[in-house]
Amino acid sequence: MGTLGACDPAVLAVIDACAPADQAGRLKRFRQAHPEVEIIKHGPWEATVPEPDGERTIVRWELRDLLDKLDELFLAVPEDASVTA
């Protein structure tokens, strides 16, 4: 039996169910706009953001705080540039 990856739809549905009701829509919109960013709940919320020289992991206890930080990163750079802030 195979294992599910963090981006498997079944896994995402469980993670979305862990999202506070007021942040679930925001999480869904961010995932649609930035499919390259992996967001998981493993204790705290974690986001893995690809960068030219590897990746950046951002960890926050509250989903709202994580999405605020991701918005800050992605709004700070043009869409065609990598996130390096």
Protein backbone atom coordinates (compact mmCIF):
# COMPACT_ATOMS: atom_id res chain seq x y z
CA MET A 1 0.00 0.00 0.00
CA GLY A 2 1.44 3.41 -0.98
CA THR A 3 1.74 6.37 1.31
CA LEU A 4 0.06 9.69 0.75
CA GLY A 5 2.18 12.72 -0.04
CA ALA A 6 1.68 16.07 1.67
CA CYS A 7 0.05 17.46 -1.51
CA ASP A 8 -2.29 14.51 -2.05
CA PRO A 9 -5.93 15.74 -2.21
CA ALA A 10 -6.94 13.49 0.70
CA VAL A 11 -4.18 14.96 2.86
CA LEU A 12 -5.08 18.52 1.84
CA ALA A 13 -8.71 17.90 2.78
CA VAL A 14 -7.66 16.85 6.29
CA ILE A 15 -5.33 19.83 6.63
CA ASP A 16 -8.08 22.18 5.41
CA ALA A 17 -10.39 20.67 8.04
CA CYS A 18 -7.78 21.65 10.67
CA ALA A 19 -7.93 25.26 9.52
CA PRO A 20 -9.95 27.65 11.66
CA ALA A 21 -13.24 28.45 9.94
CA ASP A 22 -12.31 32.10 9.44
CA GLN A 23 -9.05 31.13 7.69
CA ALA A 24 -10.11 28.10 5.58
CA GLY A 25 -11.11 30.20 2.56
CA ARG A 26 -7.94 32.24 2.78
CA LEU A 27 -5.83 29.05 2.90
CA LYS A 28 -7.64 27.68 -0.17
CA ARG A 29 -7.13 30.92 -2.12
CA PHE A 30 -3.43 31.04 -1.23
CA ARG A 31 -2.96 27.41 -2.34
CA GLN A 32 -4.66 28.15 -5.65
CA ALA A 33 -2.49 31.23 -6.24
CA HIS A 34 0.77 29.55 -5.12
CA PRO A 35 0.63 25.79 -5.77
CA GLU A 36 4.42 25.60 -5.43
CA VAL A 37 4.18 26.35 -1.69
CA GLU A 38 3.51 23.33 0.50
CA ILE A 39 1.48 24.13 3.63
CA ILE A 40 0.99 21.46 6.28
CA LYS A 41 -0.13 21.23 9.90
CA HIS A 42 2.35 19.16 11.86
CA GLY A 43 1.95 20.56 15.37
CA PRO A 44 2.42 24.13 14.21
CA TRP A 45 1.51 25.22 10.69
CA GLU A 46 4.46 24.95 8.29
CA ALA A 47 5.01 26.32 4.80
CA THR A 48 7.83 25.25 2.51
CA VAL A 49 8.63 27.93 -0.06
CA PRO A 50 10.91 27.04 -3.01
CA GLU A 51 13.84 29.40 -3.59
CA PRO A 52 16.59 29.43 -6.24
CA ASP A 53 19.16 27.97 -3.86
CA GLY A 54 16.89 25.53 -2.01
CA GLU A 55 13.82 26.21 0.06
CA ARG A 56 12.63 28.21 3.05
CA THR A 57 10.51 26.77 5.84
CA ILE A 58 8.24 29.11 7.79
CA VAL A 59 6.63 27.88 11.00
CA ARG A 60 3.82 29.57 12.94
CA TRP A 61 1.45 28.24 15.59
CA GLU A 62 -1.52 30.13 14.16
CA LEU A 63 -2.61 29.73 10.53
CA ARG A 64 -3.47 33.44 10.38
CA ASP A 65 0.13 34.32 11.31
CA LEU A 66 1.54 31.93 8.70
CA LEU A 67 -0.68 33.31 5.93
CA ASP A 68 0.19 36.87 6.98
CA LYS A 69 3.91 36.06 6.64
CA LEU A 70 3.39 34.34 3.27
CA ASP A 71 1.37 37.30 1.99
CA GLU A 72 4.18 39.59 3.13
CA LEU A 73 6.77 37.51 1.25
CA PHE A 74 4.79 37.14 -1.95
CA LEU A 75 3.59 40.74 -2.08
CA ALA A 76 7.15 41.99 -1.61
CA VAL A 77 8.41 40.46 -4.88
CA PRO A 78 7.15 40.49 -8.48
CA GLU A 79 5.24 37.33 -9.44
CA ASP A 80 7.99 36.17 -11.82
CA ALA A 81 10.78 36.60 -9.24
CA SER A 82 11.73 34.10 -6.58
CA VAL A 83 11.02 34.69 -2.91
CA THR A 84 14.28 35.69 -1.27
CA ALA A 85 13.18 38.19 1.40
